[in-house]
Amino acid sequence: MDVQAEKLLLIEKLLQVQDSDILERVKSLLESEESGQSAYNLKGYEISDESLKNRANEANEAIERGEYKTVSQLRKETKSW
């Protein structure tokens, strides 16, 4: 399917969407594409560069404090899920 046909298909589907959360996620995705943003949370919302850096710094600090689990520990833990 060519790009124009894909766009028309998306337009048709968007016109049927009644959930404002879905529309916000699509809008966020399009805006992030324009800004070059490439990080998203599990719900599909954009994560700012600053937020991403803060999370990485917090994770590094937790590791330095010994607050982490090894792969072996995680495997053992997930067996009981």
PDB file of N, CA and C in Angstrom:
ATOM      1  N   MET A   1       0.860  -1.175   0.000  1.00  0.00           N
ATOM      2  CA  MET A   1       0.000   0.000   0.000  1.00  0.00           C
ATOM      3  C   MET A   1       0.905   1.236   0.000  1.00  0.00           C
ATOM      4  N   ASP A   2       0.580   2.208  -0.837  1.00  0.00           N
ATOM      5  CA  ASP A   2       1.420   3.409  -0.895  1.00  0.00           C
ATOM      6  C   ASP A   2       1.089   4.371   0.240  1.00  0.00           C
ATOM      7  N   VAL A   3       1.915   5.393   0.396  1.00  0.00           N
ATOM      8  CA  VAL A   3       1.796   6.329   1.514  1.00  0.00           C
ATOM      9  C   VAL A   3       0.447   7.051   1.506  1.00  0.00           C
ATOM     10  N   GLN A   4      -0.011   7.478   0.367  1.00  0.00           N
ATOM     11  CA  GLN A   4      -1.292   8.197   0.280  1.00  0.00           C
ATOM     12  C   GLN A   4      -2.451   7.312   0.731  1.00  0.00           C
ATOM     13  N   ALA A   5      -2.421   6.063   0.326  1.00  0.00           N
ATOM     14  CA  ALA A   5      -3.476   5.133   0.718  1.00  0.00           C
ATOM     15  C   ALA A   5      -3.436   4.885   2.233  1.00  0.00           C
ATOM     16  N   GLU A   6      -2.241   4.773   2.783  1.00  0.00           N
ATOM     17  CA  GLU A   6      -2.095   4.600   4.230  1.00  0.00           C
ATOM     18  C   GLU A   6      -2.649   5.807   4.981  1.00  0.00           C
ATOM     19  N   LYS A   7      -2.363   7.002   4.488  1.00  0.00           N
ATOM     20  CA  LYS A   7      -2.869   8.226   5.118  1.00  0.00           C
ATOM     21  C   LYS A   7      -4.394   8.243   5.109  1.00  0.00           C
ATOM     22  N   LEU A   8      -4.984   7.897   3.982  1.00  0.00           N
ATOM     23  CA  LEU A   8      -6.444   7.884   3.885  1.00  0.00           C
ATOM     24  C   LEU A   8      -7.055   6.858   4.836  1.00  0.00           C
ATOM     25  N   LEU A   9      -6.414   5.701   4.935  1.00  0.00           N
ATOM     26  CA  LEU A   9      -6.894   4.669   5.850  1.00  0.00           C
ATOM     27  C   LEU A   9      -6.832   5.171   7.295  1.00  0.00           C
ATOM     28  N   LEU A  10      -5.738   5.836   7.661  1.00  0.00           N
ATOM     29  CA  LEU A  10      -5.609   6.380   9.009  1.00  0.00           C
ATOM     30  C   LEU A  10      -6.640   7.472   9.283  1.00  0.00           C
ATOM     31  N   ILE A  11      -6.876   8.313   8.308  1.00  0.00           N
ATOM     32  CA  ILE A  11      -7.882   9.372   8.459  1.00  0.00           C
ATOM     33  C   ILE A  11      -9.248   8.753   8.721  1.00  0.00           C
ATOM     34  N   GLU A  12      -9.596   7.738   7.946  1.00  0.00           N
ATOM     35  CA  GLU A  12     -10.881   7.065   8.136  1.00  0.00           C
ATOM     36  C   GLU A  12     -10.996   6.470   9.543  1.00  0.00           C
ATOM     37  N   LYS A  13      -9.927   5.835   9.999  1.00  0.00           N
ATOM     38  CA  LYS A  13      -9.945   5.234  11.333  1.00  0.00           C
ATOM     39  C   LYS A  13     -10.012   6.310  12.418  1.00  0.00           C
ATOM     40  N   LEU A  14      -9.271   7.401  12.255  1.00  0.00           N
ATOM     41  CA  LEU A  14      -9.291   8.481  13.241  1.00  0.00           C
ATOM     42  C   LEU A  14     -10.666   9.129  13.352  1.00  0.00           C
ATOM     43  N   LEU A  15     -11.367   9.228  12.237  1.00  0.00           N
ATOM     44  CA  LEU A  15     -12.698   9.812  12.261  1.00  0.00           C
ATOM     45  C   LEU A  15     -13.676   8.979  13.088  1.00  0.00           C
ATOM     46  N   GLN A  16     -13.385   7.697  13.227  1.00  0.00           N
ATOM     47  CA  GLN A  16     -14.259   6.808  13.998  1.00  0.00           C
ATOM     48  C   GLN A  16     -13.907   6.760  15.481  1.00  0.00           C
ATOM     49  N   VAL A  17     -12.710   7.234  15.846  1.00  0.00           N
ATOM     50  CA  VAL A  17     -12.251   7.166  17.236  1.00  0.00           C
ATOM     51  C   VAL A  17     -13.051   8.126  18.100  1.00  0.00           C
ATOM     52  N   GLN A  18     -13.553   7.624  19.230  1.00  0.00           N
ATOM     53  CA  GLN A  18     -14.302   8.450  20.184  1.00  0.00           C
ATOM     54  C   GLN A  18     -13.534   8.651  21.496  1.00  0.00           C
ATOM     55  N   ASP A  19     -12.456   7.935  21.663  1.00  0.00           N
ATOM     56  CA  ASP A  19     -11.664   7.983  22.888  1.00  0.00           C
ATOM     57  C   ASP A  19     -10.626   9.108  22.797  1.00  0.00           C
ATOM     58  N   SER A  20     -10.781  10.121  23.644  1.00  0.00           N
ATOM     59  CA  SER A  20      -9.873  11.273  23.590  1.00  0.00           C
ATOM     60  C   SER A  20      -8.451  10.891  23.978  1.00  0.00           C
ATOM     61  N   ASP A  21      -8.293   9.846  24.792  1.00  0.00           N
ATOM     62  CA  ASP A  21      -6.956   9.396  25.175  1.00  0.00           C
ATOM     63  C   ASP A  21      -6.191   8.892  23.955  1.00  0.00           C
ATOM     64  N   ILE A  22      -6.856   8.152  23.104  1.00  0.00           N
ATOM     65  CA  ILE A  22      -6.220   7.644  21.881  1.00  0.00           C
ATOM     66  C   ILE A  22      -5.838   8.807  20.980  1.00  0.00           C
ATOM     67  N   LEU A  23      -6.737   9.769  20.846  1.00  0.00           N
ATOM     68  CA  LEU A  23      -6.436  10.931  20.009  1.00  0.00           C
ATOM     69  C   LEU A  23      -5.243  11.722  20.551  1.00  0.00           C
ATOM     70  N   GLU A  24      -5.154  11.852  21.869  1.00  0.00           N
ATOM     71  CA  GLU A  24      -4.018  12.549  22.483  1.00  0.00           C
ATOM     72  C   GLU A  24      -2.715  11.799  22.224  1.00  0.00           C
ATOM     73  N   ARG A  25      -2.770  10.475  22.272  1.00  0.00           N
ATOM     74  CA  ARG A  25      -1.566   9.680  22.013  1.00  0.00           C
ATOM     75  C   ARG A  25      -1.116   9.824  20.564  1.00  0.00           C
ATOM     76  N   VAL A  26      -2.058   9.823  19.639  1.00  0.00           N
ATOM     77  CA  VAL A  26      -1.715  10.007  18.231  1.00  0.00           C
ATOM     78  C   VAL A  26      -1.117  11.402  18.030  1.00  0.00           C
ATOM     79  N   LYS A  27      -1.752  12.399  18.633  1.00  0.00           N
ATOM     80  CA  LYS A  27      -1.252  13.773  18.539  1.00  0.00           C
ATOM     81  C   LYS A  27       0.158  13.877  19.107  1.00  0.00           C
ATOM     82  N   SER A  28       0.384  13.268  20.264  1.00  0.00           N
ATOM     83  CA  SER A  28       1.700  13.283  20.898  1.00  0.00           C
ATOM     84  C   SER A  28       2.739  12.609  20.015  1.00  0.00           C
ATOM     85  N   LEU A  29       2.365  11.505  19.413  1.00  0.00           N
ATOM     86  CA  LEU A  29       3.272  10.789  18.520  1.00  0.00           C
ATOM     87  C   LEU A  29       3.654  11.646  17.324  1.00  0.00           C
ATOM     88  N   LEU A  30       2.674  12.289  16.717  1.00  0.00           N
ATOM     89  CA  LEU A  30       2.952  13.142  15.563  1.00  0.00           C
ATOM     90  C   LEU A  30       3.824  14.340  15.939  1.00  0.00           C
ATOM     91  N   GLU A  31       3.540  14.938  17.096  1.00  0.00           N
ATOM     92  CA  GLU A  31       4.335  16.080  17.542  1.00  0.00           C
ATOM     93  C   GLU A  31       5.761  15.664  17.873  1.00  0.00           C
ATOM     94  N   SER A  32       5.916  14.496  18.464  1.00  0.00           N
ATOM     95  CA  SER A  32       7.260  14.039  18.804  1.00  0.00           C
ATOM     96  C   SER A  32       8.052  13.701  17.546  1.00  0.00           C
ATOM     97  N   GLU A  33       7.363  13.227  16.535  1.00  0.00           N
ATOM     98  CA  GLU A  33       8.013  12.946  15.254  1.00  0.00           C
ATOM     99  C   GLU A  33       8.579  14.240  14.667  1.00  0.00           C
ATOM    100  N   GLU A  34       7.813  15.316  14.787  1.00  0.00           N
ATOM    101  CA  GLU A  34       8.259  16.611  14.273  1.00  0.00           C
ATOM    102  C   GLU A  34       9.449  17.155  15.070  1.00  0.00           C
ATOM    103  N   SER A  35       9.458  16.886  16.380  1.00  0.00           N
ATOM    104  CA  SER A  35      10.513  17.421  17.234  1.00  0.00           C
ATOM    105  C   SER A  35      11.736  16.514  17.296  1.00  0.00           C
ATOM    106  N   GLY A  36      11.620  15.304  16.744  1.00  0.00           N
ATOM    107  CA  GLY A  36      12.723  14.364  16.782  1.00  0.00           C
ATOM    108  C   GLY A  36      12.793  13.578  18.079  1.00  0.00           C
ATOM    109  N   GLN A  37      11.789  13.705  18.925  1.00  0.00           N
ATOM    110  CA  GLN A  37      11.748  12.985  20.198  1.00  0.00           C
ATOM    111  C   GLN A  37      11.586  11.497  19.916  1.00  0.00           C
ATOM    112  N   SER A  38      12.260  10.660  20.692  1.00  0.00           N
ATOM    113  CA  SER A  38      12.162   9.238  20.402  1.00  0.00           C
ATOM    114  C   SER A  38      11.901   8.363  21.621  1.00  0.00           C
ATOM    115  N   ALA A  39      11.624   8.956  22.776  1.00  0.00           N
ATOM    116  CA  ALA A  39      11.359   8.148  23.967  1.00  0.00           C
ATOM    117  C   ALA A  39       9.890   8.264  24.350  1.00  0.00           C
ATOM    118  N   TYR A  40       9.295   7.123  24.715  1.00  0.00           N
ATOM    119  CA  TYR A  40       7.885   7.082  25.061  1.00  0.00           C
ATOM    120  C   TYR A  40       7.684   6.200  26.279  1.00  0.00           C
ATOM    121  N   ASN A  41       6.646   6.490  27.061  1.00  0.00           N
ATOM    122  CA  ASN A  41       6.327   5.626  28.190  1.00  0.00           C
ATOM    123  C   ASN A  41       5.467   4.463  27.706  1.00  0.00           C
ATOM    124  N   LEU A  42       5.055   3.610  28.624  1.00  0.00           N
ATOM    125  CA  LEU A  42       4.298   2.414  28.238  1.00  0.00           C
ATOM    126  C   LEU A  42       2.945   2.721  27.616  1.00  0.00           C
ATOM    127  N   LYS A  43       2.388   3.893  27.908  1.00  0.00           N
ATOM    128  CA  LYS A  43       1.102   4.264  27.327  1.00  0.00           C
ATOM    129  C   LYS A  43       1.257   4.995  25.995  1.00  0.00           C
ATOM    130  N   GLY A  44       2.483   5.159  25.541  1.00  0.00           N
ATOM    131  CA  GLY A  44       2.722   5.794  24.259  1.00  0.00           C
ATOM    132  C   GLY A  44       2.933   7.291  24.318  1.00  0.00           C
ATOM    133  N   TYR A  45       2.986   7.857  25.508  1.00  0.00           N
ATOM    134  CA  TYR A  45       3.204   9.291  25.634  1.00  0.00           C
ATOM    135  C   TYR A  45       4.690   9.605  25.616  1.00  0.00           C
ATOM    136  N   GLU A  46       5.013  10.739  25.069  1.00  0.00           N
ATOM    137  CA  GLU A  46       6.396  11.175  24.950  1.00  0.00           C
ATOM    138  C   GLU A  46       7.018  11.417  26.328  1.00  0.00           C
ATOM    139  N   ILE A  47       8.281  11.025  26.456  1.00  0.00           N
ATOM    140  CA  ILE A  47       9.049  11.308  27.661  1.00  0.00           C
ATOM    141  C   ILE A  47      10.077  12.361  27.278  1.00  0.00           C
ATOM    142  N   SER A  48      10.125  13.446  28.031  1.00  0.00           N
ATOM    143  CA  SER A  48      11.071  14.520  27.707  1.00  0.00           C
ATOM    144  C   SER A  48      12.506  14.062  27.932  1.00  0.00           C
ATOM    145  N   ASP A  49      13.441  14.712  27.259  1.00  0.00           N
ATOM    146  CA  ASP A  49      14.854  14.396  27.438  1.00  0.00           C
ATOM    147  C   ASP A  49      15.259  14.572  28.896  1.00  0.00           C
ATOM    148  N   GLU A  50      14.785  15.638  29.515  1.00  0.00           N
ATOM    149  CA  GLU A  50      15.121  15.916  30.911  1.00  0.00           C
ATOM    150  C   GLU A  50      14.608  14.806  31.829  1.00  0.00           C
ATOM    151  N   SER A  51      13.377  14.369  31.607  1.00  0.00           N
ATOM    152  CA  SER A  51      12.800  13.297  32.410  1.00  0.00           C
ATOM    153  C   SER A  51      13.581  11.996  32.225  1.00  0.00           C
ATOM    154  N   LEU A  52      13.962  11.715  31.001  1.00  0.00           N
ATOM    155  CA  LEU A  52      14.717  10.502  30.703  1.00  0.00           C
ATOM    156  C   LEU A  52      16.081  10.536  31.392  1.00  0.00           C
ATOM    157  N   LYS A  53      16.739  11.698  31.354  1.00  0.00           N
ATOM    158  CA  LYS A  53      18.045  11.848  32.017  1.00  0.00           C
ATOM    159  C   LYS A  53      17.895  11.684  33.530  1.00  0.00           C
ATOM    160  N   ASN A  54      16.834  12.257  34.098  1.00  0.00           N
ATOM    161  CA  ASN A  54      16.599  12.136  35.539  1.00  0.00           C
ATOM    162  C   ASN A  54      16.397  10.676  35.940  1.00  0.00           C
ATOM    163  N   ARG A  55      15.619   9.946  35.150  1.00  0.00           N
ATOM    164  CA  ARG A  55      15.378   8.534  35.450  1.00  0.00           C
ATOM    165  C   ARG A  55      16.672   7.731  35.363  1.00  0.00           C
ATOM    166  N   ALA A  56      17.513   8.038  34.376  1.00  0.00           N
ATOM    167  CA  ALA A  56      18.791   7.334  34.238  1.00  0.00           C
ATOM    168  C   ALA A  56      19.696   7.644  35.426  1.00  0.00           C
ATOM    169  N   ASN A  57      19.748   8.900  35.833  1.00  0.00           N
ATOM    170  CA  ASN A  57      20.566   9.277  36.992  1.00  0.00           C
ATOM    171  C   ASN A  57      20.075   8.601  38.259  1.00  0.00           C
ATOM    172  N   GLU A  58      18.756   8.552  38.454  1.00  0.00           N
ATOM    173  CA  GLU A  58      18.188   7.882  39.631  1.00  0.00           C
ATOM    174  C   GLU A  58      18.530   6.388  39.622  1.00  0.00           C
ATOM    175  N   ALA A  59      18.477   5.788  38.449  1.00  0.00           N
ATOM    176  CA  ALA A  59      18.803   4.364  38.338  1.00  0.00           C
ATOM    177  C   ALA A  59      20.281   4.127  38.658  1.00  0.00           C
ATOM    178  N   ASN A  60      21.150   4.991  38.157  1.00  0.00           N
ATOM    179  CA  ASN A  60      22.582   4.846  38.453  1.00  0.00           C
ATOM    180  C   ASN A  60      22.860   4.998  39.943  1.00  0.00           C
ATOM    181  N   GLU A  61      22.186   5.938  40.587  1.00  0.00           N
ATOM    182  CA  GLU A  61      22.355   6.137  42.028  1.00  0.00           C
ATOM    183  C   GLU A  61      21.863   4.918  42.806  1.00  0.00           C
ATOM    184  N   ALA A  62      20.756   4.335  42.380  1.00  0.00           N
ATOM    185  CA  ALA A  62      20.229   3.135  43.033  1.00  0.00           C
ATOM    186  C   ALA A  62      21.221   1.982  42.899  1.00  0.00           C
ATOM    187  N   ILE A  63      21.835   1.854  41.753  1.00  0.00           N
ATOM    188  CA  ILE A  63      22.834   0.800  41.540  1.00  0.00           C
ATOM    189  C   ILE A  63      24.016   1.004  42.474  1.00  0.00           C
ATOM    190  N   GLU A  64      24.468   2.249  42.582  1.00  0.00           N
ATOM    191  CA  GLU A  64      25.588   2.549  43.480  1.00  0.00           C
ATOM    192  C   GLU A  64      25.254   2.207  44.938  1.00  0.00           C
ATOM    193  N   ARG A  65      23.986   2.338  45.305  1.00  0.00           N
ATOM    194  CA  ARG A  65      23.557   2.007  46.669  1.00  0.00           C
ATOM    195  C   ARG A  65      23.302   0.506  46.832  1.00  0.00           C
ATOM    196  N   GLY A  66      23.450  -0.246  45.761  1.00  0.00           N
ATOM    197  CA  GLY A  66      23.225  -1.687  45.821  1.00  0.00           C
ATOM    198  C   GLY A  66      21.763  -2.070  45.708  1.00  0.00           C
ATOM    199  N   GLU A  67      20.924  -1.146  45.260  1.00  0.00           N
ATOM    200  CA  GLU A  67      19.483  -1.397  45.140  1.00  0.00           C
ATOM    201  C   GLU A  67      19.147  -1.888  43.734  1.00  0.00           C
ATOM    202  N   TYR A  68      19.457  -3.156  43.500  1.00  0.00           N
ATOM    203  CA  TYR A  68      19.157  -3.751  42.206  1.00  0.00           C
ATOM    204  C   TYR A  68      19.045  -5.262  42.386  1.00  0.00           C
ATOM    205  N   LYS A  69      18.555  -5.931  41.354  1.00  0.00           N
ATOM    206  CA  LYS A  69      18.465  -7.389  41.359  1.00  0.00           C
ATOM    207  C   LYS A  69      19.239  -7.915  40.163  1.00  0.00           C
ATOM    208  N   THR A  70      19.866  -9.044  40.342  1.00  0.00           N
ATOM    209  CA  THR A  70      20.590  -9.672  39.245  1.00  0.00           C
ATOM    210  C   THR A  70      19.596 -10.376  38.320  1.00  0.00           C
ATOM    211  N   VAL A  71      20.057 -10.751  37.153  1.00  0.00           N
ATOM    212  CA  VAL A  71      19.220 -11.484  36.208  1.00  0.00           C
ATOM    213  C   VAL A  71      18.769 -12.807  36.831  1.00  0.00           C
ATOM    214  N   SER A  72      19.675 -13.462  37.537  1.00  0.00           N
ATOM    215  CA  SER A  72      19.327 -14.730  38.198  1.00  0.00           C
ATOM    216  C   SER A  72      18.216 -14.527  39.222  1.00  0.00           C
ATOM    217  N   GLN A  73      18.307 -13.457  40.004  1.00  0.00           N
ATOM    218  CA  GLN A  73      17.270 -13.168  40.995  1.00  0.00           C
ATOM    219  C   GLN A  73      15.924 -12.906  40.316  1.00  0.00           C
ATOM    220  N   LEU A  74      15.940 -12.166  39.225  1.00  0.00           N
ATOM    221  CA  LEU A  74      14.698 -11.867  38.503  1.00  0.00           C
ATOM    222  C   LEU A  74      14.088 -13.132  37.896  1.00  0.00           C
ATOM    223  N   ARG A  75      14.921 -13.980  37.350  1.00  0.00           N
ATOM    224  CA  ARG A  75      14.413 -15.240  36.783  1.00  0.00           C
ATOM    225  C   ARG A  75      13.735 -16.088  37.859  1.00  0.00           C
ATOM    226  N   LYS A  76      14.385 -16.164  39.012  1.00  0.00           N
ATOM    227  CA  LYS A  76      13.829 -16.936  40.128  1.00  0.00           C
ATOM    228  C   LYS A  76      12.503 -16.324  40.575  1.00  0.00           C
ATOM    229  N   GLU A  77      12.472 -15.009  40.675  1.00  0.00           N
ATOM    230  CA  GLU A  77      11.251 -14.306  41.119  1.00  0.00           C
ATOM    231  C   GLU A  77      10.099 -14.496  40.133  1.00  0.00           C
ATOM    232  N   THR A  78      10.387 -14.433  38.840  1.00  0.00           N
ATOM    233  CA  THR A  78       9.301 -14.518  37.846  1.00  0.00           C
ATOM    234  C   THR A  78       8.714 -15.922  37.739  1.00  0.00           C
ATOM    235  N   LYS A  79       9.424 -16.923  38.203  1.00  0.00           N
ATOM    236  CA  LYS A  79       8.882 -18.285  38.161  1.00  0.00           C
ATOM    237  C   LYS A  79       7.655 -18.422  39.055  1.00  0.00           C
ATOM    238  N   SER A  80       7.548 -17.540  40.063  1.00  0.00           N
ATOM    239  CA  SER A  80       6.415 -17.638  40.989  1.00  0.00           C
ATOM    240  C   SER A  80       5.234 -16.758  40.566  1.00  0.00           C
ATOM    241  N   TRP A  81       5.331 -16.127  39.426  1.00  0.00           N
ATOM    242  CA  TRP A  81       4.240 -15.241  38.972  1.00  0.00           C
ATOM    243  C   TRP A  81       3.077 -16.043  38.473  1.00  0.00           C
TER     244      TRP A  81
END
